[in-house]
All heavy atoms as atom14 arrays in JSON, in Angstrom:
{
  "sequence": "HHTSYMNELLAAGRLSLDGDKLANLGAVTWHDPCYLGRYNGE",
  "atom14_mask": [
    [1, 1, 1, 1, 1, 1, 1, 1, 1, 1, 0, 0, 0, 0],
    [1, 1, 1, 1, 1, 1, 1, 1, 1, 1, 0, 0, 0, 0],
    [1, 1, 1, 1, 1, 1, 1, 0, 0, 0, 0, 0, 0, 0],
    [1, 1, 1, 1, 1, 1, 0, 0, 0, 0, 0, 0, 0, 0],
    [1, 1, 1, 1, 1, 1, 1, 1, 1, 1, 1, 1, 0, 0],
    [1, 1, 1, 1, 1, 1, 1, 1, 0, 0, 0, 0, 0, 0],
    [1, 1, 1, 1, 1, 1, 1, 1, 0, 0, 0, 0, 0, 0],
    [1, 1, 1, 1, 1, 1, 1, 1, 1, 0, 0, 0, 0, 0],
    [1, 1, 1, 1, 1, 1, 1, 1, 0, 0, 0, 0, 0, 0],
    [1, 1, 1, 1, 1, 1, 1, 1, 0, 0, 0, 0, 0, 0],
    [1, 1, 1, 1, 1, 0, 0, 0, 0, 0, 0, 0, 0, 0],
    [1, 1, 1, 1, 1, 0, 0, 0, 0, 0, 0, 0, 0, 0],
    [1, 1, 1, 1, 0, 0, 0, 0, 0, 0, 0, 0, 0, 0],
    [1, 1, 1, 1, 1, 1, 1, 1, 1, 1, 1, 0, 0, 0],
    [1, 1, 1, 1, 1, 1, 1, 1, 0, 0, 0, 0, 0, 0],
    [1, 1, 1, 1, 1, 1, 0, 0, 0, 0, 0, 0, 0, 0],
    [1, 1, 1, 1, 1, 1, 1, 1, 0, 0, 0, 0, 0, 0],
    [1, 1, 1, 1, 1, 1, 1, 1, 0, 0, 0, 0, 0, 0],
    [1, 1, 1, 1, 0, 0, 0, 0, 0, 0, 0, 0, 0, 0],
    [1, 1, 1, 1, 1, 1, 1, 1, 0, 0, 0, 0, 0, 0],
    [1, 1, 1, 1, 1, 1, 1, 1, 1, 0, 0, 0, 0, 0],
    [1, 1, 1, 1, 1, 1, 1, 1, 0, 0, 0, 0, 0, 0],
    [1, 1, 1, 1, 1, 0, 0, 0, 0, 0, 0, 0, 0, 0],
    [1, 1, 1, 1, 1, 1, 1, 1, 0, 0, 0, 0, 0, 0],
    [1, 1, 1, 1, 1, 1, 1, 1, 0, 0, 0, 0, 0, 0],
    [1, 1, 1, 1, 0, 0, 0, 0, 0, 0, 0, 0, 0, 0],
    [1, 1, 1, 1, 1, 0, 0, 0, 0, 0, 0, 0, 0, 0],
    [1, 1, 1, 1, 1, 1, 1, 0, 0, 0, 0, 0, 0, 0],
    [1, 1, 1, 1, 1, 1, 1, 0, 0, 0, 0, 0, 0, 0],
    [1, 1, 1, 1, 1, 1, 1, 1, 1, 1, 1, 1, 1, 1],
    [1, 1, 1, 1, 1, 1, 1, 1, 1, 1, 0, 0, 0, 0],
    [1, 1, 1, 1, 1, 1, 1, 1, 0, 0, 0, 0, 0, 0],
    [1, 1, 1, 1, 1, 1, 1, 0, 0, 0, 0, 0, 0, 0],
    [1, 1, 1, 1, 1, 1, 0, 0, 0, 0, 0, 0, 0, 0],
    [1, 1, 1, 1, 1, 1, 1, 1, 1, 1, 1, 1, 0, 0],
    [1, 1, 1, 1, 1, 1, 1, 1, 0, 0, 0, 0, 0, 0],
    [1, 1, 1, 1, 0, 0, 0, 0, 0, 0, 0, 0, 0, 0],
    [1, 1, 1, 1, 1, 1, 1, 1, 1, 1, 1, 0, 0, 0],
    [1, 1, 1, 1, 1, 1, 1, 1, 1, 1, 1, 1, 0, 0],
    [1, 1, 1, 1, 1, 1, 1, 1, 0, 0, 0, 0, 0, 0],
    [1, 1, 1, 1, 0, 0, 0, 0, 0, 0, 0, 0, 0, 0],
    [1, 1, 1, 1, 1, 1, 1, 1, 1, 0, 0, 0, 0, 0]
  ],
  "atom14_positions": [
    [[59.26, 94.46, 138.34], [58.51, 93.84, 139.43], [59.5, 93.39, 140.49], [60.66, 93.07, 140.2], [57.73, 92.64, 138.9], [56.83, 92.02, 139.91], [57.08, 90.78, 140.47], [55.68, 92.46, 140.48], [56.11, 90.48, 141.32], [55.25, 91.49, 141.35], [0.0, 0.0, 0.0], [0.0, 0.0, 0.0], [0.0, 0.0, 0.0], [0.0, 0.0, 0.0]],
    [[59.08, 93.36, 141.74], [60.03, 93.1, 142.82], [60.65, 91.71, 142.73], [61.8, 91.53, 143.14], [59.4, 93.33, 144.19], [58.41, 92.3, 144.64], [57.31, 91.92, 143.9], [58.34, 91.55, 145.79], [56.63, 91.0, 144.56], [57.22, 90.76, 145.7], [0.0, 0.0, 0.0], [0.0, 0.0, 0.0], [0.0, 0.0, 0.0], [0.0, 0.0, 0.0]],
    [[59.95, 90.73, 142.14], [60.57, 89.41, 142.0], [61.71, 89.46, 140.98], [62.77, 88.86, 141.2], [59.52, 88.37, 141.56], [58.9, 88.8, 140.34], [58.46, 88.19, 142.63], [0.0, 0.0, 0.0], [0.0, 0.0, 0.0], [0.0, 0.0, 0.0], [0.0, 0.0, 0.0], [0.0, 0.0, 0.0], [0.0, 0.0, 0.0], [0.0, 0.0, 0.0]],
    [[61.5, 90.17, 139.88], [62.57, 90.3, 138.88], [63.75, 91.07, 139.46], [64.92, 90.73, 139.21], [62.04, 91.03, 137.64], [60.92, 90.38, 137.1], [0.0, 0.0, 0.0], [0.0, 0.0, 0.0], [0.0, 0.0, 0.0], [0.0, 0.0, 0.0], [0.0, 0.0, 0.0], [0.0, 0.0, 0.0], [0.0, 0.0, 0.0], [0.0, 0.0, 0.0]],
    [[63.45, 92.12, 140.23], [64.53, 92.95, 140.78], [65.33, 92.17, 141.82], [66.58, 92.24, 141.85], [63.95, 94.22, 141.38], [64.99, 95.27, 141.71], [65.78, 95.81, 140.7], [65.18, 95.71, 143.02], [66.74, 96.77, 140.99], [66.13, 96.67, 143.31], [66.9, 97.2, 142.3], [67.85, 98.16, 142.59], [0.0, 0.0, 0.0], [0.0, 0.0, 0.0]],
    [[64.65, 91.42, 142.68], [65.38, 90.61, 143.65], [66.23, 89.56, 142.96], [67.35, 89.25, 143.42], [64.4, 89.95, 144.62], [63.75, 90.9, 145.61], [62.78, 90.09, 146.92], [61.43, 89.39, 145.98], [0.0, 0.0, 0.0], [0.0, 0.0, 0.0], [0.0, 0.0, 0.0], [0.0, 0.0, 0.0], [0.0, 0.0, 0.0], [0.0, 0.0, 0.0]],
    [[65.75, 89.04, 141.84], [66.54, 88.08, 141.09], [67.8, 88.73, 140.52], [68.88, 88.13, 140.52], [65.69, 87.5, 139.96], [66.32, 86.29, 139.31], [66.88, 85.43, 139.99], [66.26, 86.22, 137.99], [0.0, 0.0, 0.0], [0.0, 0.0, 0.0], [0.0, 0.0, 0.0], [0.0, 0.0, 0.0], [0.0, 0.0, 0.0], [0.0, 0.0, 0.0]],
    [[67.68, 89.98, 140.05], [68.85, 90.72, 139.58], [69.85, 90.95, 140.71], [71.07, 90.79, 140.52], [68.42, 92.06, 139.0], [67.71, 91.99, 137.67], [67.4, 93.37, 137.12], [68.23, 94.29, 137.32], [66.33, 93.55, 136.52], [0.0, 0.0, 0.0], [0.0, 0.0, 0.0], [0.0, 0.0, 0.0], [0.0, 0.0, 0.0], [0.0, 0.0, 0.0]],
    [[69.35, 91.34, 141.88], [70.23, 91.57, 143.02], [70.96, 90.29, 143.42], [72.17, 90.31, 143.73], [69.43, 92.1, 144.2], [68.76, 93.47, 144.03], [67.89, 93.8, 145.24], [69.8, 94.57, 143.8], [0.0, 0.0, 0.0], [0.0, 0.0, 0.0], [0.0, 0.0, 0.0], [0.0, 0.0, 0.0], [0.0, 0.0, 0.0], [0.0, 0.0, 0.0]],
    [[70.25, 89.18, 143.38], [70.86, 87.91, 143.74], [71.93, 87.52, 142.72], [73.03, 87.09, 143.09], [69.77, 86.83, 143.81], [70.21, 85.45, 144.3], [70.67, 85.52, 145.76], [69.06, 84.45, 144.17], [0.0, 0.0, 0.0], [0.0, 0.0, 0.0], [0.0, 0.0, 0.0], [0.0, 0.0, 0.0], [0.0, 0.0, 0.0], [0.0, 0.0, 0.0]],
    [[71.62, 87.69, 141.44], [72.59, 87.36, 140.39], [73.82, 88.24, 140.45], [74.93, 87.81, 140.09], [71.93, 87.48, 139.02], [0.0, 0.0, 0.0], [0.0, 0.0, 0.0], [0.0, 0.0, 0.0], [0.0, 0.0, 0.0], [0.0, 0.0, 0.0], [0.0, 0.0, 0.0], [0.0, 0.0, 0.0], [0.0, 0.0, 0.0], [0.0, 0.0, 0.0]],
    [[73.65, 89.47, 140.92], [74.79, 90.4, 141.02], [75.6, 90.19, 142.29], [76.58, 90.91, 142.52], [74.28, 91.84, 140.96], [0.0, 0.0, 0.0], [0.0, 0.0, 0.0], [0.0, 0.0, 0.0], [0.0, 0.0, 0.0], [0.0, 0.0, 0.0], [0.0, 0.0, 0.0], [0.0, 0.0, 0.0], [0.0, 0.0, 0.0], [0.0, 0.0, 0.0]],
    [[75.2, 89.26, 143.12], [75.94, 88.98, 144.35], [75.68, 89.97, 145.46], [76.46, 90.04, 146.42], [0.0, 0.0, 0.0], [0.0, 0.0, 0.0], [0.0, 0.0, 0.0], [0.0, 0.0, 0.0], [0.0, 0.0, 0.0], [0.0, 0.0, 0.0], [0.0, 0.0, 0.0], [0.0, 0.0, 0.0], [0.0, 0.0, 0.0], [0.0, 0.0, 0.0]],
    [[74.59, 90.69, 145.37], [74.3, 91.7, 146.39], [73.44, 91.17, 147.52], [73.16, 91.88, 148.48], [73.62, 92.91, 145.74], [74.5, 93.61, 144.72], [73.79, 94.72, 143.96], [73.45, 95.85, 144.8], [72.89, 96.98, 144.35], [72.62, 97.1, 143.05], [72.59, 97.96, 145.18], [0.0, 0.0, 0.0], [0.0, 0.0, 0.0], [0.0, 0.0, 0.0]],
    [[73.0, 89.92, 147.41], [72.2, 89.29, 148.46], [72.81, 87.95, 148.84], [73.28, 87.2, 147.99], [70.76, 89.06, 147.98], [69.87, 90.29, 147.78], [68.54, 89.87, 147.17], [69.64, 91.02, 149.1], [0.0, 0.0, 0.0], [0.0, 0.0, 0.0], [0.0, 0.0, 0.0], [0.0, 0.0, 0.0], [0.0, 0.0, 0.0], [0.0, 0.0, 0.0]],
    [[72.79, 87.66, 150.13], [73.22, 86.36, 150.64], [72.04, 85.7, 151.32], [71.34, 86.34, 152.12], [74.38, 86.53, 151.63], [75.52, 87.09, 150.98], [0.0, 0.0, 0.0], [0.0, 0.0, 0.0], [0.0, 0.0, 0.0], [0.0, 0.0, 0.0], [0.0, 0.0, 0.0], [0.0, 0.0, 0.0], [0.0, 0.0, 0.0], [0.0, 0.0, 0.0]],
    [[71.83, 84.43, 151.02], [70.66, 83.72, 151.53], [71.08, 82.46, 152.28], [72.09, 81.82, 151.94], [69.72, 83.34, 150.38], [69.19, 84.47, 149.5], [68.38, 83.88, 148.34], [68.34, 85.43, 150.31], [0.0, 0.0, 0.0], [0.0, 0.0, 0.0], [0.0, 0.0, 0.0], [0.0, 0.0, 0.0], [0.0, 0.0, 0.0], [0.0, 0.0, 0.0]],
    [[70.3, 82.12, 153.27], [70.49, 80.88, 154.01], [69.18, 80.1, 153.96], [68.23, 80.39, 154.7], [70.89, 81.18, 155.46], [71.13, 79.91, 156.27], [71.02, 78.8, 155.69], [71.41, 80.01, 157.48], [0.0, 0.0, 0.0], [0.0, 0.0, 0.0], [0.0, 0.0, 0.0], [0.0, 0.0, 0.0], [0.0, 0.0, 0.0], [0.0, 0.0, 0.0]],
    [[69.13, 79.12, 153.08], [67.92, 78.36, 152.89], [67.51, 77.57, 154.11], [66.32, 77.21, 154.26], [0.0, 0.0, 0.0], [0.0, 0.0, 0.0], [0.0, 0.0, 0.0], [0.0, 0.0, 0.0], [0.0, 0.0, 0.0], [0.0, 0.0, 0.0], [0.0, 0.0, 0.0], [0.0, 0.0, 0.0], [0.0, 0.0, 0.0], [0.0, 0.0, 0.0]],
    [[68.44, 77.29, 155.02], [68.11, 76.51, 156.22], [67.09, 77.24, 157.09], [66.37, 76.62, 157.87], [69.37, 76.22, 157.03], [70.3, 75.24, 156.31], [69.79, 74.52, 155.42], [71.49, 75.2, 156.63], [0.0, 0.0, 0.0], [0.0, 0.0, 0.0], [0.0, 0.0, 0.0], [0.0, 0.0, 0.0], [0.0, 0.0, 0.0], [0.0, 0.0, 0.0]],
    [[67.03, 78.56, 156.96], [66.07, 79.33, 157.76], [64.63, 79.03, 157.35], [63.69, 79.37, 158.08], [66.35, 80.82, 157.61], [67.68, 81.28, 158.2], [67.83, 82.79, 158.07], [69.13, 83.26, 158.71], [69.27, 84.75, 158.63], [0.0, 0.0, 0.0], [0.0, 0.0, 0.0], [0.0, 0.0, 0.0], [0.0, 0.0, 0.0], [0.0, 0.0, 0.0]],
    [[64.47, 78.44, 156.18], [63.13, 78.13, 155.68], [62.83, 76.64, 155.72], [61.84, 76.18, 155.14], [62.97, 78.63, 154.23], [63.24, 80.12, 153.99], [63.12, 80.44, 152.5], [62.29, 80.98, 154.79], [0.0, 0.0, 0.0], [0.0, 0.0, 0.0], [0.0, 0.0, 0.0], [0.0, 0.0, 0.0], [0.0, 0.0, 0.0], [0.0, 0.0, 0.0]],
    [[63.69, 75.89, 156.4], [63.58, 74.43, 156.37], [62.25, 73.92, 156.92], [61.77, 72.85, 156.54], [64.74, 73.81, 157.14], [0.0, 0.0, 0.0], [0.0, 0.0, 0.0], [0.0, 0.0, 0.0], [0.0, 0.0, 0.0], [0.0, 0.0, 0.0], [0.0, 0.0, 0.0], [0.0, 0.0, 0.0], [0.0, 0.0, 0.0], [0.0, 0.0, 0.0]],
    [[61.64, 74.7, 157.82], [60.4, 74.23, 158.46], [59.15, 74.58, 157.66], [58.04, 74.27, 158.09], [60.27, 74.82, 159.86], [60.15, 76.35, 159.83], [60.68, 76.99, 158.92], [59.49, 76.91, 160.83], [0.0, 0.0, 0.0], [0.0, 0.0, 0.0], [0.0, 0.0, 0.0], [0.0, 0.0, 0.0], [0.0, 0.0, 0.0], [0.0, 0.0, 0.0]],
    [[59.31, 75.21, 156.49], [58.14, 75.63, 155.72], [57.49, 74.49, 154.95], [56.3, 74.5, 154.69], [58.52, 76.75, 154.73], [58.7, 78.15, 155.31], [59.04, 79.12, 154.19], [57.44, 78.61, 156.03], [0.0, 0.0, 0.0], [0.0, 0.0, 0.0], [0.0, 0.0, 0.0], [0.0, 0.0, 0.0], [0.0, 0.0, 0.0], [0.0, 0.0, 0.0]],
    [[58.28, 73.51, 154.53], [57.74, 72.44, 153.7], [57.75, 72.82, 152.23], [58.43, 73.76, 151.79], [0.0, 0.0, 0.0], [0.0, 0.0, 0.0], [0.0, 0.0, 0.0], [0.0, 0.0, 0.0], [0.0, 0.0, 0.0], [0.0, 0.0, 0.0], [0.0, 0.0, 0.0], [0.0, 0.0, 0.0], [0.0, 0.0, 0.0], [0.0, 0.0, 0.0]],
    [[56.99, 72.09, 151.44], [56.95, 72.31, 150.0], [56.21, 73.6, 149.67], [55.3, 74.02, 150.39], [56.3, 71.13, 149.29], [0.0, 0.0, 0.0], [0.0, 0.0, 0.0], [0.0, 0.0, 0.0], [0.0, 0.0, 0.0], [0.0, 0.0, 0.0], [0.0, 0.0, 0.0], [0.0, 0.0, 0.0], [0.0, 0.0, 0.0], [0.0, 0.0, 0.0]],
    [[56.61, 74.21, 148.54], [56.05, 75.49, 148.12], [55.57, 75.36, 146.68], [56.18, 74.67, 145.85], [57.1, 76.62, 148.21], [56.53, 77.94, 147.67], [57.58, 76.79, 149.64], [0.0, 0.0, 0.0], [0.0, 0.0, 0.0], [0.0, 0.0, 0.0], [0.0, 0.0, 0.0], [0.0, 0.0, 0.0], [0.0, 0.0, 0.0], [0.0, 0.0, 0.0]],
    [[54.46, 76.02, 146.36], [54.03, 76.15, 144.96], [53.91, 77.62, 144.63], [53.59, 78.44, 145.5], [52.69, 75.43, 144.72], [52.4, 75.42, 143.33], [51.53, 76.1, 145.45], [0.0, 0.0, 0.0], [0.0, 0.0, 0.0], [0.0, 0.0, 0.0], [0.0, 0.0, 0.0], [0.0, 0.0, 0.0], [0.0, 0.0, 0.0], [0.0, 0.0, 0.0]],
    [[54.22, 77.97, 143.41], [54.2, 79.38, 142.98], [52.94, 79.65, 142.17], [52.63, 78.94, 141.22], [55.44, 79.7, 142.15], [55.37, 81.03, 141.42], [55.24, 81.23, 140.09], [55.43, 82.34, 142.01], [55.2, 82.58, 139.8], [55.32, 83.29, 140.96], [55.56, 82.81, 143.33], [55.33, 84.66, 141.18], [55.59, 84.18, 143.55], [55.48, 85.09, 142.49]],
    [[52.23, 80.71, 142.56], [51.05, 81.16, 141.83], [51.46, 82.31, 140.92], [51.89, 83.37, 141.4], [49.96, 81.61, 142.81], [48.87, 82.42, 142.16], [47.93, 81.84, 141.32], [48.58, 83.75, 142.2], [47.11, 82.8, 140.89], [47.49, 83.95, 141.41], [0.0, 0.0, 0.0], [0.0, 0.0, 0.0], [0.0, 0.0, 0.0], [0.0, 0.0, 0.0]],
    [[51.33, 82.12, 139.6], [51.71, 83.15, 138.64], [50.64, 84.23, 138.57], [49.51, 83.96, 138.13], [51.88, 82.54, 137.24], [53.08, 81.63, 137.14], [54.18, 82.15, 136.91], [52.9, 80.4, 137.29], [0.0, 0.0, 0.0], [0.0, 0.0, 0.0], [0.0, 0.0, 0.0], [0.0, 0.0, 0.0], [0.0, 0.0, 0.0], [0.0, 0.0, 0.0]],
    [[50.94, 85.47, 138.98], [49.97, 86.55, 138.81], [49.72, 86.83, 137.33], [50.66, 86.83, 136.52], [50.64, 87.75, 139.49], [51.71, 87.17, 140.36], [52.17, 85.93, 139.67], [0.0, 0.0, 0.0], [0.0, 0.0, 0.0], [0.0, 0.0, 0.0], [0.0, 0.0, 0.0], [0.0, 0.0, 0.0], [0.0, 0.0, 0.0], [0.0, 0.0, 0.0]],
    [[48.48, 87.06, 136.96], [48.14, 87.28, 135.55], [48.9, 88.46, 134.96], [49.39, 88.41, 133.83], [46.64, 87.51, 135.4], [45.62, 86.17, 136.04], [0.0, 0.0, 0.0], [0.0, 0.0, 0.0], [0.0, 0.0, 0.0], [0.0, 0.0, 0.0], [0.0, 0.0, 0.0], [0.0, 0.0, 0.0], [0.0, 0.0, 0.0], [0.0, 0.0, 0.0]],
    [[48.98, 89.56, 135.72], [49.58, 90.77, 135.19], [51.11, 90.73, 135.22], [51.75, 91.61, 134.65], [49.06, 92.0, 135.94], [47.73, 92.48, 135.41], [46.56, 91.77, 135.67], [47.63, 93.62, 134.63], [45.34, 92.18, 135.17], [46.42, 94.05, 134.12], [45.27, 93.32, 134.4], [44.07, 93.74, 133.89], [0.0, 0.0, 0.0], [0.0, 0.0, 0.0]],
    [[51.68, 89.73, 135.84], [53.13, 89.52, 135.77], [53.46, 88.51, 134.67], [54.39, 88.73, 133.89], [53.65, 89.0, 137.11], [55.16, 88.75, 137.18], [55.95, 90.03, 137.0], [55.53, 88.07, 138.51], [0.0, 0.0, 0.0], [0.0, 0.0, 0.0], [0.0, 0.0, 0.0], [0.0, 0.0, 0.0], [0.0, 0.0, 0.0], [0.0, 0.0, 0.0]],
    [[52.69, 87.43, 134.61], [52.97, 86.36, 133.66], [52.37, 86.59, 132.29], [53.07, 86.97, 131.34], [0.0, 0.0, 0.0], [0.0, 0.0, 0.0], [0.0, 0.0, 0.0], [0.0, 0.0, 0.0], [0.0, 0.0, 0.0], [0.0, 0.0, 0.0], [0.0, 0.0, 0.0], [0.0, 0.0, 0.0], [0.0, 0.0, 0.0], [0.0, 0.0, 0.0]],
    [[51.07, 86.37, 132.16], [50.45, 86.49, 130.83], [50.59, 87.89, 130.24], [50.75, 88.05, 129.03], [48.97, 86.09, 130.9], [48.73, 84.6, 130.72], [47.28, 84.31, 130.55], [46.51, 84.57, 131.75], [46.31, 83.7, 132.73], [46.84, 82.49, 132.64], [45.58, 84.01, 133.78], [0.0, 0.0, 0.0], [0.0, 0.0, 0.0], [0.0, 0.0, 0.0]],
    [[50.49, 88.9, 131.07], [50.57, 90.26, 130.54], [51.99, 90.69, 130.21], [52.2, 91.46, 129.26], [49.97, 91.26, 131.55], [48.49, 91.48, 131.39], [47.57, 90.56, 131.88], [48.0, 92.6, 130.74], [46.2, 90.76, 131.74], [46.64, 92.81, 130.59], [45.74, 91.89, 131.09], [44.38, 92.1, 130.93], [0.0, 0.0, 0.0], [0.0, 0.0, 0.0]],
    [[52.96, 90.22, 130.97], [54.32, 90.74, 130.8], [55.39, 89.68, 130.63], [56.57, 90.0, 130.5], [54.67, 91.65, 131.99], [53.89, 92.95, 131.95], [54.2, 93.85, 131.2], [52.83, 93.04, 132.76], [0.0, 0.0, 0.0], [0.0, 0.0, 0.0], [0.0, 0.0, 0.0], [0.0, 0.0, 0.0], [0.0, 0.0, 0.0], [0.0, 0.0, 0.0]],
    [[55.0, 88.41, 130.62], [55.93, 87.35, 130.25], [56.98, 86.99, 131.28], [57.96, 86.31, 130.96], [0.0, 0.0, 0.0], [0.0, 0.0, 0.0], [0.0, 0.0, 0.0], [0.0, 0.0, 0.0], [0.0, 0.0, 0.0], [0.0, 0.0, 0.0], [0.0, 0.0, 0.0], [0.0, 0.0, 0.0], [0.0, 0.0, 0.0], [0.0, 0.0, 0.0]],
    [[56.8, 87.39, 132.53], [57.79, 87.06, 133.56], [57.34, 85.81, 134.31], [56.43, 85.84, 135.13], [57.96, 88.22, 134.55], [58.97, 87.95, 135.66], [60.35, 87.59, 135.14], [60.6, 86.37, 134.91], [61.17, 88.51, 134.96], [0.0, 0.0, 0.0], [0.0, 0.0, 0.0], [0.0, 0.0, 0.0], [0.0, 0.0, 0.0], [0.0, 0.0, 0.0]]
  ]
}
């Protein structure tokens, strides 16, 4: 899944992020998709 793959890329040092670019978004909540979470344990 693209979230797992982006996490791998980040862990491998292939992505650089600047969290300040998201400073104006405010608080975030994550919605677990059924077919990602319950079905596949991610």
